N, C-alpha and C. Protein backbone atom coordinates (compact mmCIF):
# COMPACT_ATOMS: atom_id res chain seq x y z
N MET A 1 -217.38 -3.65 69.44
CA MET A 1 -217.00 -2.98 68.39
C MET A 1 -217.13 -1.42 68.71
N MET A 2 -216.11 -0.33 69.21
CA MET A 2 -216.11 0.84 69.46
C MET A 2 -215.58 1.44 68.66
N MET A 3 -216.72 2.66 67.66
CA MET A 3 -215.55 3.28 66.35
C MET A 3 -215.21 4.80 67.04
N ARG A 4 -214.24 4.78 67.09
CA ARG A 4 -213.50 6.43 67.47
C ARG A 4 -214.06 7.24 66.44
N PRO A 5 -214.67 8.17 66.84
CA PRO A 5 -214.57 9.45 65.50
C PRO A 5 -212.98 9.50 65.01
N ILE A 6 -213.72 9.91 63.10
CA ILE A 6 -212.86 9.89 62.37
C ILE A 6 -211.87 11.37 63.03
N TRP A 7 -212.53 12.67 63.13
CA TRP A 7 -211.73 13.81 63.09
C TRP A 7 -210.65 13.29 64.59
N LEU A 8 -211.05 12.80 65.46
CA LEU A 8 -209.70 12.66 66.31
C LEU A 8 -208.51 11.62 65.89
N MET A 9 -208.64 10.68 64.94
CA MET A 9 -207.88 10.44 64.50
C MET A 9 -207.15 11.54 63.43
N GLU A 10 -207.77 12.21 62.87
CA GLU A 10 -207.06 13.19 61.76
C GLU A 10 -206.56 14.71 62.93
N LEU A 11 -206.87 14.45 63.79
CA LEU A 11 -206.45 15.28 64.74
C LEU A 11 -205.04 15.01 65.35
N GLY A 12 -205.01 13.74 65.89
CA GLY A 12 -203.44 12.92 66.16
C GLY A 12 -202.58 13.09 64.76
N ILE A 13 -202.91 12.78 63.42
CA ILE A 13 -202.04 12.69 62.54
C ILE A 13 -201.76 14.14 62.42
N ALA A 14 -202.74 15.23 61.85
CA ALA A 14 -202.36 16.47 62.17
C ALA A 14 -201.39 16.99 63.56
N LEU A 15 -201.43 16.81 64.40
CA LEU A 15 -200.30 17.14 65.59
C LEU A 15 -199.13 16.53 65.17
N ALA A 16 -198.79 15.31 64.92
CA ALA A 16 -197.91 14.45 64.40
C ALA A 16 -196.92 14.89 63.57
N ILE A 17 -197.85 15.68 61.97
CA ILE A 17 -197.03 16.50 61.53
C ILE A 17 -196.61 17.51 61.83
N CYS A 18 -197.03 18.51 63.22
CA CYS A 18 -196.79 19.47 63.50
C CYS A 18 -195.31 19.09 64.58
N LEU A 19 -195.47 18.31 64.96
CA LEU A 19 -194.38 17.79 65.82
C LEU A 19 -193.20 17.65 65.10
N SER A 20 -193.35 17.34 63.96
CA SER A 20 -191.98 16.56 63.27
C SER A 20 -191.14 17.52 62.70
N GLY A 21 -192.22 18.66 62.49
CA GLY A 21 -191.63 20.61 61.78
C GLY A 21 -191.72 20.23 60.67
N ALA A 22 -192.45 19.44 59.75
CA ALA A 22 -193.28 19.70 58.33
C ALA A 22 -193.97 20.59 58.27
N PRO A 23 -194.35 21.16 57.01
CA PRO A 23 -195.33 22.36 56.67
C PRO A 23 -196.55 21.47 56.88
N VAL A 24 -197.72 21.93 57.73
CA VAL A 24 -199.09 21.40 57.51
C VAL A 24 -199.65 21.10 56.17
N PHE A 25 -199.67 22.47 55.89
CA PHE A 25 -200.07 22.71 54.66
C PHE A 25 -199.11 22.75 53.51
N ALA A 26 -198.68 22.34 52.89
CA ALA A 26 -197.51 21.75 51.82
C ALA A 26 -197.47 23.08 50.65
N GLY A 27 -198.82 22.76 50.68
CA GLY A 27 -199.05 24.02 48.96
C GLY A 27 -199.22 25.41 49.71
N ASP A 28 -198.96 25.72 50.73
CA ASP A 28 -198.90 27.38 51.03
C ASP A 28 -197.98 28.04 50.33
N LYS A 29 -198.29 28.84 49.70
CA LYS A 29 -196.88 29.94 48.72
C LYS A 29 -196.46 30.80 49.60
N HIS A 30 -196.54 30.53 51.21
CA HIS A 30 -195.76 31.44 52.27
C HIS A 30 -194.43 30.47 52.46
N ASP A 31 -194.81 29.26 51.95
CA ASP A 31 -193.40 28.22 52.77
C ASP A 31 -192.20 28.86 52.56
N THR A 32 -191.52 28.89 53.75
CA THR A 32 -190.13 29.83 53.12
C THR A 32 -188.80 28.73 53.91
N HIS A 33 -189.24 27.40 54.14
CA HIS A 33 -188.13 26.44 54.60
C HIS A 33 -188.06 25.26 54.12
N ILE A 34 -187.10 24.78 53.74
CA ILE A 34 -186.86 23.24 53.47
C ILE A 34 -186.58 22.33 54.73
N GLU A 35 -186.26 20.91 54.37
CA GLU A 35 -186.19 20.33 55.26
C GLU A 35 -184.38 20.47 56.10
N ASN A 36 -183.49 20.95 54.94
CA ASN A 36 -182.39 21.53 56.26
C ASN A 36 -182.56 22.60 56.79
N GLY A 37 -183.08 23.36 57.28
CA GLY A 37 -183.17 24.47 57.63
C GLY A 37 -182.93 25.84 57.25
N SER A 38 -182.54 25.59 55.80
CA SER A 38 -182.69 26.99 55.34
C SER A 38 -184.12 27.42 55.25
N LYS A 39 -183.67 29.28 55.33
CA LYS A 39 -184.92 29.72 55.17
C LYS A 39 -184.93 31.26 54.86
N ILE A 40 -185.84 31.61 53.83
CA ILE A 40 -185.63 32.84 53.06
C ILE A 40 -187.00 33.44 53.60
N MET A 41 -187.14 34.82 53.54
CA MET A 41 -188.25 35.39 53.48
C MET A 41 -188.04 37.24 53.00
N ILE A 42 -189.30 36.86 51.87
CA ILE A 42 -189.40 38.39 51.37
C ILE A 42 -189.58 39.37 52.43
N THR A 43 -188.83 40.51 52.41
CA THR A 43 -189.18 41.41 53.28
C THR A 43 -190.05 42.89 53.02
N SER A 44 -189.80 43.34 51.78
CA SER A 44 -190.24 44.27 51.46
C SER A 44 -190.34 43.99 49.51
N PRO A 45 -191.18 44.40 49.45
CA PRO A 45 -192.02 44.48 49.06
C PRO A 45 -192.90 43.50 50.22
N LYS A 46 -193.99 43.81 51.10
CA LYS A 46 -195.26 42.68 52.05
C LYS A 46 -195.98 42.46 50.80
N ASP A 47 -196.51 40.89 51.26
CA ASP A 47 -197.54 40.26 50.13
C ASP A 47 -198.75 41.24 50.30
N GLY A 48 -199.26 41.57 48.95
CA GLY A 48 -200.23 42.43 48.72
C GLY A 48 -200.47 43.72 48.54
N ASP A 49 -198.92 44.24 48.84
CA ASP A 49 -198.70 45.53 48.60
C ASP A 49 -199.22 46.21 47.27
N LYS A 50 -199.31 47.45 47.00
CA LYS A 50 -199.77 48.25 46.24
C LYS A 50 -197.83 48.81 45.43
N VAL A 51 -197.51 48.66 44.68
CA VAL A 51 -196.17 48.96 44.03
C VAL A 51 -195.82 49.76 42.78
N GLY A 52 -194.89 50.89 42.42
CA GLY A 52 -194.98 50.96 41.12
C GLY A 52 -194.29 50.33 40.25
N ASP A 53 -193.98 50.30 39.14
CA ASP A 53 -193.51 49.88 38.34
C ASP A 53 -191.93 49.47 38.30
N ASN A 54 -191.45 50.08 39.00
CA ASN A 54 -189.93 49.70 39.32
C ASN A 54 -189.97 49.62 40.76
N PHE A 55 -189.42 48.37 41.61
CA PHE A 55 -189.55 49.18 42.82
C PHE A 55 -188.10 47.79 43.42
N GLU A 56 -187.78 48.08 44.64
CA GLU A 56 -186.81 47.54 45.21
C GLU A 56 -187.24 46.29 45.67
N LEU A 57 -186.40 44.78 45.86
CA LEU A 57 -186.91 43.62 46.50
C LEU A 57 -185.84 43.66 47.86
N LYS A 58 -186.44 42.72 48.95
CA LYS A 58 -185.44 42.77 49.99
C LYS A 58 -186.08 41.64 50.61
N TYR A 59 -184.98 40.81 51.07
CA TYR A 59 -185.37 39.40 51.36
C TYR A 59 -183.98 39.23 52.29
N GLU A 60 -184.39 38.45 53.10
CA GLU A 60 -183.77 37.63 54.84
C GLU A 60 -183.64 36.41 54.06
N LEU A 61 -182.11 36.09 54.52
CA LEU A 61 -181.42 34.31 54.47
C LEU A 61 -180.78 33.89 55.41
N THR A 62 -181.75 32.82 55.80
CA THR A 62 -180.95 32.42 57.27
C THR A 62 -180.67 30.70 56.98
N GLU A 63 -179.71 30.51 57.70
CA GLU A 63 -179.25 28.70 57.75
C GLU A 63 -178.94 28.93 56.59
N ALA A 64 -177.91 29.65 55.85
CA ALA A 64 -177.39 30.01 54.59
C ALA A 64 -175.96 28.65 54.16
N ALA A 65 -176.30 28.16 54.81
CA ALA A 65 -174.46 26.94 55.20
C ALA A 65 -174.96 26.10 53.77
N GLN A 66 -175.90 25.41 53.52
CA GLN A 66 -176.12 24.81 52.27
C GLN A 66 -176.49 25.54 50.88
N VAL A 67 -176.66 27.03 51.16
CA VAL A 67 -177.52 28.14 49.88
C VAL A 67 -175.97 28.73 49.17
N GLY A 68 -176.29 28.18 47.94
CA GLY A 68 -175.25 28.80 47.07
C GLY A 68 -175.34 30.18 46.30
N HIS A 69 -176.58 30.25 46.05
CA HIS A 69 -177.39 31.77 45.77
C HIS A 69 -178.85 32.22 45.38
N VAL A 70 -179.12 32.90 45.56
CA VAL A 70 -180.50 32.93 45.25
C VAL A 70 -181.38 33.38 43.97
N HIS A 71 -181.95 32.77 43.49
CA HIS A 71 -182.94 33.11 42.14
C HIS A 71 -183.84 33.76 42.40
N VAL A 72 -184.48 34.90 41.76
CA VAL A 72 -185.86 35.40 41.49
C VAL A 72 -186.32 35.55 40.37
N PHE A 73 -187.85 35.20 40.76
CA PHE A 73 -188.66 35.34 39.60
C PHE A 73 -190.03 35.90 39.73
N VAL A 74 -190.60 36.28 38.56
CA VAL A 74 -191.41 36.97 38.41
C VAL A 74 -192.70 36.27 37.80
N ASP A 75 -193.88 36.00 38.10
CA ASP A 75 -194.71 35.25 37.37
C ASP A 75 -194.37 34.29 36.95
N ASN A 76 -193.24 33.19 37.77
CA ASN A 76 -192.63 32.21 37.54
C ASN A 76 -191.77 32.12 36.19
N GLU A 77 -191.38 33.73 35.38
CA GLU A 77 -189.93 33.89 34.49
C GLU A 77 -188.92 34.23 35.88
N TYR A 78 -187.84 33.63 35.48
CA TYR A 78 -186.35 33.69 36.00
C TYR A 78 -186.31 34.97 35.80
N GLN A 79 -184.95 35.98 36.78
CA GLN A 79 -185.30 36.95 36.47
C GLN A 79 -183.63 37.17 36.32
N ARG A 80 -183.16 37.04 35.20
CA ARG A 80 -181.66 36.51 34.99
C ARG A 80 -180.88 38.51 34.81
N GLY A 81 -179.58 37.97 35.92
CA GLY A 81 -179.00 38.96 36.52
C GLY A 81 -179.66 40.40 37.39
N PHE A 82 -180.15 39.83 38.18
CA PHE A 82 -180.91 40.13 38.81
C PHE A 82 -180.26 41.30 40.04
N GLN A 83 -180.39 42.52 40.29
CA GLN A 83 -179.66 43.49 40.80
C GLN A 83 -180.23 43.88 41.97
N GLY A 84 -181.38 43.36 42.90
CA GLY A 84 -181.61 43.94 43.51
C GLY A 84 -183.35 45.13 43.40
N THR A 85 -183.59 45.38 42.07
CA THR A 85 -184.52 46.14 41.91
C THR A 85 -185.41 45.64 40.34
N LEU A 86 -186.54 45.60 40.76
CA LEU A 86 -187.59 45.00 39.67
C LEU A 86 -187.72 45.95 38.81
N LYS A 87 -187.62 46.14 37.58
CA LYS A 87 -188.28 47.56 36.82
C LYS A 87 -188.91 47.02 35.56
N GLY A 88 -190.05 47.86 35.28
CA GLY A 88 -190.58 47.60 33.90
C GLY A 88 -192.09 46.76 33.62
N LEU A 89 -192.35 46.68 35.19
CA LEU A 89 -193.58 45.68 35.44
C LEU A 89 -194.86 46.16 34.70
N SER A 90 -195.21 45.26 34.39
CA SER A 90 -196.59 45.86 33.73
C SER A 90 -197.65 45.94 34.82
N ARG A 91 -198.92 47.08 34.63
CA ARG A 91 -199.78 47.35 35.80
C ARG A 91 -200.35 45.94 36.01
N GLY A 92 -200.92 45.94 37.34
CA GLY A 92 -201.89 44.52 37.62
C GLY A 92 -200.72 43.46 38.73
N GLU A 93 -201.55 42.43 38.84
CA GLU A 93 -201.17 41.42 39.92
C GLU A 93 -200.04 40.81 39.50
N HIS A 94 -198.56 41.11 40.08
CA HIS A 94 -197.52 40.19 39.83
C HIS A 94 -197.44 39.04 40.75
N GLN A 95 -196.50 37.60 40.82
CA GLN A 95 -196.23 36.81 42.06
C GLN A 95 -194.66 36.77 41.61
N ILE A 96 -194.03 37.20 42.65
CA ILE A 96 -192.74 37.62 43.10
C ILE A 96 -192.40 36.30 43.86
N THR A 97 -190.91 35.63 43.39
CA THR A 97 -190.96 34.39 44.02
C THR A 97 -189.04 34.58 44.30
N VAL A 98 -188.61 34.03 45.59
CA VAL A 98 -187.36 33.91 45.67
C VAL A 98 -186.98 32.65 45.96
N LYS A 99 -186.11 32.15 45.89
CA LYS A 99 -185.34 30.73 45.70
C LYS A 99 -183.73 30.62 45.80
N THR A 100 -183.72 29.74 47.02
CA THR A 100 -182.28 29.57 47.23
C THR A 100 -182.29 28.38 46.14
N THR A 101 -180.79 28.04 46.17
CA THR A 101 -180.59 27.03 45.57
C THR A 101 -178.94 26.86 45.92
N ASN A 102 -178.71 25.33 45.72
CA ASN A 102 -177.40 24.63 46.53
C ASN A 102 -176.07 25.44 45.37
N LYS A 103 -174.69 25.28 45.58
CA LYS A 103 -173.70 25.56 44.75
C LYS A 103 -174.36 25.23 43.27
N ASN A 104 -174.30 23.98 43.26
CA ASN A 104 -174.34 23.22 42.02
C ASN A 104 -175.69 23.19 41.13
N HIS A 105 -177.23 23.93 41.56
CA HIS A 105 -178.02 24.34 40.99
C HIS A 105 -178.78 23.07 41.18
N SER A 106 -178.55 21.93 42.09
CA SER A 106 -179.10 20.36 41.82
C SER A 106 -180.46 20.50 42.61
N SER A 107 -180.72 21.69 43.97
CA SER A 107 -182.19 21.33 44.36
C SER A 107 -181.92 22.71 45.10
N VAL A 108 -183.81 23.09 45.53
CA VAL A 108 -184.01 24.45 45.92
C VAL A 108 -183.95 24.17 47.56
N THR A 109 -183.02 24.86 48.53
CA THR A 109 -183.01 24.55 49.59
C THR A 109 -184.34 25.76 50.34
N ALA A 110 -184.31 26.65 49.96
CA ALA A 110 -185.49 27.63 50.64
C ALA A 110 -186.46 28.25 49.13
N ALA A 111 -187.74 28.60 49.61
CA ALA A 111 -188.17 29.61 48.87
C ALA A 111 -189.19 30.22 49.29
N HIS A 112 -189.85 31.31 48.91
CA HIS A 112 -190.78 32.40 49.33
C HIS A 112 -191.26 32.97 48.52
N THR A 113 -192.85 33.36 48.23
CA THR A 113 -193.59 33.95 47.27
C THR A 113 -194.43 34.58 47.88
N ILE A 114 -194.60 35.95 47.41
CA ILE A 114 -195.51 36.95 47.64
C ILE A 114 -196.34 37.31 46.28
N THR A 115 -197.45 38.05 46.59
CA THR A 115 -198.04 38.92 45.18
C THR A 115 -198.04 40.27 45.72
N VAL A 116 -197.90 40.87 44.56
CA VAL A 116 -198.06 42.94 44.34
C VAL A 116 -198.76 43.16 43.37
N ASP A 117 -199.43 43.51 43.53
CA ASP A 117 -200.22 44.91 42.82
C ASP A 117 -199.75 46.07 42.39
N VAL A 118 -199.00 46.07 41.15
CA VAL A 118 -198.12 47.28 40.38
C VAL A 118 -199.58 48.36 39.80
N GLN A 119 -199.25 49.25 40.01
CA GLN A 119 -199.84 50.57 40.32
C GLN A 119 -199.84 51.44 39.01
């Protein structure tokens, strides 16, 4: 009985996942799309940028057919009434996340997270 190397099976599984369109590293904080094809990406600032305590947050949204609106979070705290500028952040690193939801808030359709360093 011939045993095939385990890495060969793992390679086959990873290849099958890649070809299916599913993210191989599902825990990657930079994942920007979900299975419905919606995609969101923070375009400014960039991940790792140094910023002031007030800065404009810009993002791009594609395949928005099922998107109701966008929610912005700083360090996992929802920014109610967000109008495009984050204000008054304390010094240090902060995690910024944008999430799209469908119209009735029942599911997240896409998300993107970056980390910034407030100077």
